[in-house]
Amino acid sequence: MKHVKLFEEFTSGVSEGYSGNFPKDITLAKTKKVAEEVAKAMNMIAEPGEEYKVNTKTIDNASFDLDVVRNGMVDEYDGGSYNLYDDGSIVNMATWDRKTGESPVFGDWRKDNAKKIAANVKKMMNESLTEAAIKWQDAKEGDSALVKDLNKLGLIVKAYGRKFHLKFPDGSDKTYDASELEFITNEAVSEAESYRPGDKWSRDFDYDGMLQMGAEASIKTPIRDLEGLYKSMVDVNYHKEARHADAAIEALESGDKTTAIKELKELNKLCKQALEESLHESKSEAELVKKANQFKKELMQLKKDPKGNELRIAAKEEQLSRVAQAIRNARADKMGEAVTEAKDLRSLQKALDRLQNDYEAVLDDETLDAMAELIMTVNSKL
């Protein structure tokens, strides 16, 4: 869908998320109402064959996810992951603006309706398209093109002369002349390649993919994959884990399954620990959401050609599950902090009221005025 794919693919850089606080007065019922309004807005600008729905399993106070239904198949979270903030902002944490480094604001949850939100998103989409626009002579396979008459975005799968064959999200495809299209480069996309056994260090090396494969390795894993895993671990300085992979390979080659199982269990344990540490290092929820989206894309790509990729698919599914749990934990922590702050402020408010009543007769006017101003400040934050 354009609102996620375009905004995500034609932006780059590290997301800083959004600088704001969760509202203390929002309820689950209000969050659900806002979520339904955002889903309605996305459906106003959706591609043919797509429908946006609220994910009822993950909705929480001030946060929700949207799923996308395509041809009867549900793609969870593909419609974005949203937070609501105390300044009224509806923020899609799954995307980010390369100019500001922040996730985009889709609207104001206190006052905007679906029509207004849709207009905001469409404006951002158009700005993203304009920034990434290229001439037809520079377009190549893998870039995107917008069919002007239909306002429909497709992927260029074949380019010959002025003719371009496009494939669309609904599964359809068609050839168009360059005059019928607007062209968009996909070179701004910067994603790490999904890990393959034997990969050597690179600037975008998939450490999590390597570790997840180590966490899932068993005696059923082909020895060639274990050998590739060992070489990768040595190359990126995971020597402790590599020693257990090497010992397991030697045991399997000599027919010693007992030792192999023991060494692989140690490898699994170390890799799982390293993965947990990796998730904890992702400090912001935005970073976790970005990581989840990356894993999801990689998983979809692997499932297109599942033969021989069974282990990688299982590893990627486990990665996605882990980061999804980390996102839920991050949201719960942030909501907990907001609730604690609210409780502290209410305690302070009661204490100040009590002081003002008890000492009104003996305190000077200047002190009473200062106390009254402090009480007003506390009240404004509740």
Protein backbone atom coordinates (compact mmCIF):
# COMPACT_ATOMS: atom_id res chain seq x y z
CA MET A 1 0.00 0.00 0.00
CA LYS A 2 1.28 3.44 -0.88
CA HIS A 3 0.98 5.13 2.51
CA VAL A 4 3.37 2.63 4.06
CA LYS A 5 5.46 1.50 1.13
CA LEU A 6 6.02 4.88 -0.47
CA PHE A 7 6.75 6.71 2.72
CA GLU A 8 9.02 3.93 3.89
CA GLU A 9 10.80 3.25 0.63
CA PHE A 10 11.48 6.85 -0.33
CA THR A 11 12.90 7.87 3.02
CA SER A 12 16.20 6.93 4.54
CA GLY A 13 18.24 7.34 7.68
CA VAL A 14 17.73 6.26 11.27
CA SER A 15 14.34 6.93 12.83
CA GLU A 16 14.29 8.83 16.08
CA GLY A 17 10.59 8.03 16.49
CA TYR A 18 8.59 10.94 17.85
CA SER A 19 9.29 13.24 20.77
CA GLY A 20 6.14 13.23 22.87
CA ASN A 21 4.27 11.70 25.78
CA PHE A 22 1.28 9.41 25.89
CA PRO A 23 -1.94 11.19 26.96
CA LYS A 24 -2.91 10.36 30.53
CA ASP A 25 -6.66 10.76 29.98
CA ILE A 26 -7.19 8.50 26.95
CA THR A 27 -9.26 5.33 27.28
CA LEU A 28 -9.23 2.08 25.34
CA ALA A 29 -12.64 2.95 23.89
CA LYS A 30 -11.34 6.30 22.61
CA THR A 31 -8.22 4.64 21.16
CA LYS A 32 -10.44 2.14 19.33
CA LYS A 33 -12.55 4.96 17.91
CA VAL A 34 -9.46 6.78 16.64
CA ALA A 35 -8.05 3.52 15.19
CA GLU A 36 -11.28 2.92 13.27
CA GLU A 37 -11.14 6.48 11.93
CA VAL A 38 -7.54 5.99 10.73
CA ALA A 39 -8.48 2.66 9.10
CA LYS A 40 -11.38 4.42 7.35
CA ALA A 41 -8.97 7.12 6.13
CA MET A 42 -6.53 4.57 4.75
CA ASN A 43 -9.35 2.80 2.92
CA MET A 44 -10.20 6.08 1.19
CA ILE A 45 -6.78 6.07 -0.50
CA ALA A 46 -6.12 2.31 -0.63
CA GLU A 47 -5.11 0.39 -3.72
CA PRO A 48 -7.87 -1.66 -5.42
CA GLY A 49 -8.30 -4.99 -3.65
CA GLU A 50 -6.92 -3.71 -0.31
CA GLU A 51 -8.84 -3.17 2.93
CA TYR A 52 -7.47 -1.74 6.16
CA LYS A 53 -8.68 -3.15 9.47
CA VAL A 54 -7.85 -2.51 13.12
CA ASN A 55 -5.81 -5.31 14.71
CA THR A 56 -7.99 -6.09 17.74
CA LYS A 57 -5.30 -8.27 19.35
CA THR A 58 -2.72 -5.50 19.81
CA ILE A 59 -4.84 -2.41 20.51
CA ASP A 60 -4.00 -0.70 23.80
CA ASN A 61 -4.45 2.70 25.40
CA ALA A 62 -2.91 5.21 22.98
CA SER A 63 -1.48 2.63 20.55
CA PHE A 64 -2.82 0.37 17.80
CA ASP A 65 -1.87 -1.47 14.62
CA LEU A 66 -3.64 -1.77 11.27
CA ASP A 67 -3.76 -4.96 9.21
CA VAL A 68 -4.24 -5.03 5.44
CA VAL A 69 -6.46 -7.61 3.71
CA ARG A 70 -5.37 -8.41 0.16
CA ASN A 71 -7.26 -10.96 -1.89
CA GLY A 72 -8.63 -12.55 1.26
CA MET A 73 -5.20 -12.81 2.93
CA VAL A 74 -4.50 -10.79 6.09
CA ASP A 75 -1.09 -9.09 6.36
CA GLU A 76 -0.76 -8.23 10.03
CA TYR A 77 0.67 -4.80 10.90
CA ASP A 78 1.13 -3.96 7.19
CA GLY A 79 -1.06 -0.88 7.59
CA GLY A 80 1.25 0.70 10.15
CA SER A 81 1.82 0.86 13.91
CA TYR A 82 0.42 3.97 15.53
CA ASN A 83 0.83 5.91 18.77
CA LEU A 84 -1.36 8.74 20.06
CA TYR A 85 0.38 11.58 21.91
CA ASP A 86 -0.74 14.23 24.38
CA ASP A 87 -0.31 17.02 21.81
CA GLY A 88 -3.00 15.32 19.68
CA SER A 89 -0.62 13.73 17.18
CA ILE A 90 -1.44 10.44 15.44
CA VAL A 91 2.02 9.06 14.63
CA ASN A 92 2.80 6.09 12.38
CA MET A 93 5.83 4.55 14.08
CA ALA A 94 6.44 2.20 11.13
CA THR A 95 7.70 5.00 8.90
CA TRP A 96 9.96 8.04 9.24
CA ASP A 97 10.75 11.31 7.53
CA ARG A 98 14.32 11.47 6.21
CA LYS A 99 14.39 15.28 6.65
CA THR A 100 13.36 15.42 10.32
CA GLY A 101 14.37 11.92 11.44
CA GLU A 102 10.94 11.58 13.06
CA SER A 103 7.95 9.37 12.32
CA PRO A 104 5.21 11.24 10.42
CA VAL A 105 2.13 12.77 12.01
CA PHE A 106 -1.02 11.62 10.19
CA GLY A 107 -3.38 13.95 12.01
CA ASP A 108 -4.83 15.16 15.31
CA TRP A 109 -6.75 12.44 17.18
CA ARG A 110 -8.65 15.02 19.23
CA LYS A 111 -10.32 16.71 16.23
CA ASP A 112 -9.50 15.19 12.80
CA ASN A 113 -11.94 12.88 11.03
CA ALA A 114 -11.13 10.21 8.44
CA LYS A 115 -11.41 12.64 5.53
CA LYS A 116 -8.88 15.03 7.04
CA ILE A 117 -6.46 12.22 7.95
CA ALA A 118 -6.70 10.80 4.41
CA ALA A 119 -5.91 14.25 2.98
CA ASN A 120 -2.85 14.57 5.24
CA VAL A 121 -1.52 11.15 4.25
CA LYS A 122 -2.15 11.77 0.55
CA LYS A 123 -0.22 15.04 0.75
CA MET A 124 2.77 13.23 2.30
CA MET A 125 2.55 10.52 -0.35
CA ASN A 126 2.63 13.10 -3.12
CA GLU A 127 5.62 14.86 -1.55
CA SER A 128 7.45 11.53 -1.35
CA LEU A 129 6.64 10.78 -4.99
CA THR A 130 7.89 14.21 -6.09
CA GLU A 131 11.20 13.80 -4.24
CA ALA A 132 11.81 10.36 -5.75
CA ALA A 133 10.63 11.15 -9.30
CA ILE A 134 12.96 10.24 -12.17
CA LYS A 135 12.88 10.43 -15.97
CA TRP A 136 11.69 7.41 -17.93
CA GLN A 137 15.15 7.07 -19.47
CA ASP A 138 16.58 6.45 -15.96
CA ALA A 139 13.91 3.98 -14.83
CA LYS A 140 14.92 0.34 -14.54
CA GLU A 141 13.60 -2.98 -13.30
CA GLY A 142 12.95 -2.78 -9.56
CA ASP A 143 11.87 0.86 -9.68
CA SER A 144 8.21 1.84 -9.39
CA ALA A 145 5.84 3.64 -11.73
CA LEU A 146 2.51 5.37 -11.19
CA VAL A 147 -0.21 4.91 -13.82
CA LYS A 148 -1.40 8.51 -14.10
CA ASP A 149 -4.99 7.86 -15.24
CA LEU A 150 -5.61 5.23 -12.57
CA ASN A 151 -3.42 6.69 -9.80
CA LYS A 152 -2.15 3.12 -9.36
CA LEU A 153 1.39 2.26 -8.33
CA GLY A 154 3.20 -0.76 -9.70
CA LEU A 155 6.65 -2.33 -9.73
CA ILE A 156 8.63 -2.34 -12.98
CA VAL A 157 9.39 -6.00 -13.76
CA LYS A 158 10.41 -5.51 -17.40
CA ALA A 159 11.70 -2.41 -19.20
CA TYR A 160 12.27 -2.26 -22.96
CA GLY A 161 12.60 1.07 -24.72
CA ARG A 162 9.64 3.28 -23.85
CA LYS A 163 7.57 0.28 -22.76
CA PHE A 164 7.35 -0.83 -19.12
CA HIS A 165 5.68 -3.96 -17.79
CA LEU A 166 4.27 -3.36 -14.29
CA LYS A 167 3.16 -5.75 -11.58
CA PHE A 168 0.64 -4.47 -9.02
CA PRO A 169 -0.03 -5.36 -5.36
CA ASP A 170 -3.34 -7.05 -6.30
CA GLY A 171 -1.42 -9.54 -8.50
CA SER A 172 -2.39 -8.03 -11.85
CA ASP A 173 0.17 -6.85 -14.43
CA LYS A 174 0.16 -4.79 -17.63
CA THR A 175 2.49 -3.07 -20.09
CA TYR A 176 2.36 0.73 -20.46
CA ASP A 177 4.03 3.40 -22.57
CA ALA A 178 6.30 5.87 -20.78
CA SER A 179 3.84 8.71 -21.55
CA GLU A 180 1.22 7.00 -19.35
CA LEU A 181 3.49 6.76 -16.32
CA GLU A 182 5.32 8.72 -13.66
CA PHE A 183 8.55 7.05 -12.57
CA ILE A 184 9.90 6.67 -9.05
CA THR A 185 13.32 5.42 -8.05
CA ASN A 186 13.64 2.76 -5.38
CA GLU A 187 17.33 3.39 -4.86
CA ALA A 188 16.57 5.22 -1.61
CA VAL A 189 15.70 1.89 -0.04
CA SER A 190 18.49 0.81 2.25
CA GLU A 191 17.82 -2.55 3.84
CA ALA A 192 20.12 -5.22 5.09
CA GLU A 193 20.13 -8.36 2.97
CA SER A 194 18.60 -11.32 4.80
CA TYR A 195 21.33 -13.53 6.26
CA ARG A 196 22.63 -16.52 4.31
CA PRO A 197 25.04 -19.09 5.81
CA GLY A 198 28.59 -18.12 4.86
CA ASP A 199 27.94 -14.38 4.56
CA LYS A 200 30.97 -12.28 5.47
CA TRP A 201 31.03 -8.96 7.26
CA SER A 202 29.57 -5.99 5.42
CA ARG A 203 28.27 -2.60 6.46
CA ASP A 204 24.69 -3.96 6.49
CA PHE A 205 25.48 -7.47 7.78
CA ASP A 206 22.37 -9.19 9.19
CA TYR A 207 23.64 -10.02 12.69
CA ASP A 208 20.17 -10.85 14.00
CA GLY A 209 19.57 -13.25 11.12
CA MET A 210 22.84 -15.05 11.83
CA LEU A 211 22.11 -15.29 15.55
CA GLN A 212 18.56 -16.49 14.96
CA MET A 213 19.85 -19.27 12.71
CA GLY A 214 22.27 -20.23 15.48
CA ALA A 215 19.40 -20.20 17.99
CA GLU A 216 17.39 -22.57 15.76
CA ALA A 217 20.23 -24.91 14.68
CA SER A 218 19.75 -28.64 15.37
CA ILE A 219 21.13 -31.99 14.22
CA LYS A 220 18.63 -31.76 11.35
CA THR A 221 20.36 -28.64 10.04
CA PRO A 222 22.45 -29.50 6.95
CA ILE A 223 26.18 -29.58 7.76
CA ARG A 224 26.87 -27.15 4.89
CA ASP A 225 24.61 -24.60 6.60
CA LEU A 226 26.35 -25.15 9.94
CA GLU A 227 29.71 -24.70 8.21
CA GLY A 228 28.50 -21.46 6.64
CA LEU A 229 27.19 -20.30 10.01
CA TYR A 230 30.56 -21.06 11.62
CA LYS A 231 32.47 -19.11 8.95
CA SER A 232 30.16 -16.12 9.35
CA MET A 233 30.53 -16.12 13.13
CA VAL A 234 34.32 -16.20 12.88
CA ASP A 235 34.30 -13.40 10.32
CA VAL A 236 32.16 -11.07 12.49
CA ASN A 237 33.98 -11.95 15.73
CA TYR A 238 31.36 -14.16 17.40
CA HIS A 239 34.14 -16.57 18.40
CA LYS A 240 32.49 -18.04 21.50
CA GLU A 241 29.43 -19.07 19.51
CA ALA A 242 31.61 -20.22 16.59
CA ARG A 243 33.50 -22.70 18.82
CA HIS A 244 30.29 -24.57 19.62
CA ALA A 245 29.24 -24.59 15.96
CA ASP A 246 32.65 -26.00 14.99
CA ALA A 247 32.52 -28.66 17.71
CA ALA A 248 29.02 -29.69 16.61
CA ILE A 249 30.18 -30.03 12.99
CA GLU A 250 33.10 -32.25 14.00
CA ALA A 251 30.83 -34.42 16.16
CA LEU A 252 28.26 -34.82 13.37
CA GLU A 253 30.95 -35.74 10.84
CA SER A 254 32.30 -38.43 13.19
CA GLY A 255 28.81 -39.79 13.95
CA ASP A 256 28.77 -38.61 17.59
CA LYS A 257 25.19 -37.33 17.81
CA THR A 258 25.26 -37.02 21.62
CA THR A 259 28.14 -34.53 21.56
CA ALA A 260 26.65 -32.75 18.57
CA ILE A 261 23.33 -32.22 20.40
CA LYS A 262 25.18 -30.95 23.49
CA GLU A 263 27.25 -28.46 21.48
CA LEU A 264 24.25 -27.28 19.48
CA LYS A 265 22.28 -26.65 22.69
CA GLU A 266 25.11 -24.45 23.92
CA LEU A 267 25.12 -22.66 20.57
CA ASN A 268 21.34 -22.15 20.80
CA LYS A 269 21.67 -20.74 24.32
CA LEU A 270 24.44 -18.27 23.46
CA CYS A 271 22.69 -17.06 20.32
CA LYS A 272 19.39 -16.52 22.15
CA GLN A 273 21.21 -14.49 24.81
CA ALA A 274 22.86 -12.36 22.13
CA LEU A 275 19.49 -11.78 20.44
CA GLU A 276 17.93 -10.63 23.70
CA GLU A 277 20.81 -8.18 24.17
CA SER A 278 20.31 -6.95 20.61
CA LEU A 279 16.63 -6.20 21.28
CA HIS A 280 17.44 -4.36 24.51
CA GLU A 281 19.93 -2.19 22.59
CA SER A 282 17.05 -1.01 20.37
CA LYS A 283 16.14 1.78 22.76
CA SER A 284 13.15 3.33 20.99
CA GLU A 285 9.90 1.73 19.97
CA ALA A 286 10.41 3.22 16.50
CA GLU A 287 13.65 1.25 16.07
CA LEU A 288 11.86 -1.95 17.09
CA VAL A 289 8.98 -1.31 14.67
CA LYS A 290 11.48 -0.60 11.89
CA LYS A 291 13.22 -3.89 12.70
CA ALA A 292 9.90 -5.78 12.69
CA ASN A 293 8.99 -4.36 9.26
CA GLN A 294 12.39 -5.38 7.91
CA PHE A 295 11.97 -8.94 9.24
CA LYS A 296 8.48 -9.15 7.77
CA LYS A 297 9.67 -8.13 4.30
CA GLU A 298 12.52 -10.63 4.46
CA LEU A 299 10.11 -13.37 5.56
CA MET A 300 7.73 -12.63 2.68
CA GLN A 301 10.64 -12.78 0.25
CA LEU A 302 11.81 -16.15 1.63
CA LYS A 303 8.32 -17.64 1.44
CA LYS A 304 8.18 -16.88 -2.29
CA ASP A 305 10.81 -19.59 -2.75
CA PRO A 306 10.49 -21.87 0.33
CA LYS A 307 12.33 -24.89 -1.04
CA GLY A 308 15.70 -25.12 0.68
CA ASN A 309 14.90 -22.11 2.85
CA GLU A 310 12.99 -23.93 5.59
CA LEU A 311 15.55 -23.14 8.30
CA ARG A 312 15.84 -19.49 7.28
CA ILE A 313 12.03 -19.14 7.27
CA ALA A 314 11.75 -20.66 10.76
CA ALA A 315 14.54 -18.40 12.01
CA LYS A 316 12.95 -15.28 10.51
CA GLU A 317 9.53 -16.14 11.99
CA GLU A 318 11.13 -16.46 15.42
CA GLN A 319 12.91 -13.11 14.93
CA LEU A 320 9.60 -11.45 14.07
CA SER A 321 7.94 -13.01 17.12
CA ARG A 322 10.69 -11.77 19.44
CA VAL A 323 10.68 -8.21 18.18
CA ALA A 324 6.86 -8.09 18.30
CA GLN A 325 7.03 -9.01 21.99
CA ALA A 326 9.71 -6.36 22.54
CA ILE A 327 7.39 -3.75 20.97
CA ARG A 328 4.55 -4.79 23.28
CA ASN A 329 6.89 -4.55 26.27
CA ALA A 330 8.11 -1.09 25.21
CA ARG A 331 4.55 0.17 24.92
CA ALA A 332 3.59 -1.31 28.28
CA ASP A 333 6.62 0.34 29.92
CA LYS A 334 5.78 3.73 28.46
CA MET A 335 2.14 3.51 29.54
CA GLY A 336 3.28 2.43 33.01
CA GLU A 337 5.51 5.48 33.27
CA ALA A 338 2.62 7.75 32.28
CA VAL A 339 0.32 6.18 34.89
CA THR A 340 2.99 6.48 37.60
CA GLU A 341 3.58 10.13 36.73
CA ALA A 342 -0.15 10.81 36.92
CA LYS A 343 -0.39 9.15 40.34
CA ASP A 344 2.58 11.17 41.62
CA LEU A 345 1.03 14.42 40.40
CA ARG A 346 -2.29 13.60 42.08
CA SER A 347 -0.49 12.88 45.35
CA LEU A 348 1.31 16.21 45.05
CA GLN A 349 -1.96 17.97 44.27
CA LYS A 350 -3.62 16.58 47.41
CA ALA A 351 -0.61 17.49 49.55
CA LEU A 352 -0.58 21.07 48.25
CA ASP A 353 -4.32 21.47 48.79
CA ARG A 354 -3.92 20.18 52.31
CA LEU A 355 -1.03 22.59 53.03
CA GLN A 356 -2.94 25.53 51.64
CA ASN A 357 -5.99 24.78 53.79
CA ASP A 358 -3.98 24.07 56.95
CA TYR A 359 -1.65 27.10 56.79
CA GLU A 360 -3.71 29.71 54.95
CA ALA A 361 -4.15 31.73 58.13
CA VAL A 362 -0.44 31.90 59.03
CA LEU A 363 1.36 32.15 55.66
CA ASP A 364 2.10 35.50 54.02
CA ASP A 365 0.37 36.54 50.80
CA GLU A 366 3.49 36.01 48.64
CA THR A 367 3.87 32.41 49.82
CA LEU A 368 0.16 31.73 49.33
CA ASP A 369 0.31 33.16 45.78
CA ALA A 370 3.31 30.98 44.95
CA MET A 371 1.52 27.93 46.33
CA ALA A 372 -1.63 28.75 44.34
CA GLU A 373 0.45 29.08 41.15
CA LEU A 374 2.10 25.70 41.83
CA ILE A 375 -1.32 24.08 42.36
CA MET A 376 -2.52 25.52 39.03
CA THR A 377 0.57 24.13 37.29
CA VAL A 378 -0.03 20.65 38.73
CA ASN A 379 -3.71 20.78 37.80
CA SER A 380 -2.83 21.68 34.20
CA LYS A 381 -0.76 18.50 33.90
CA LEU A 382 -3.55 16.22 35.10
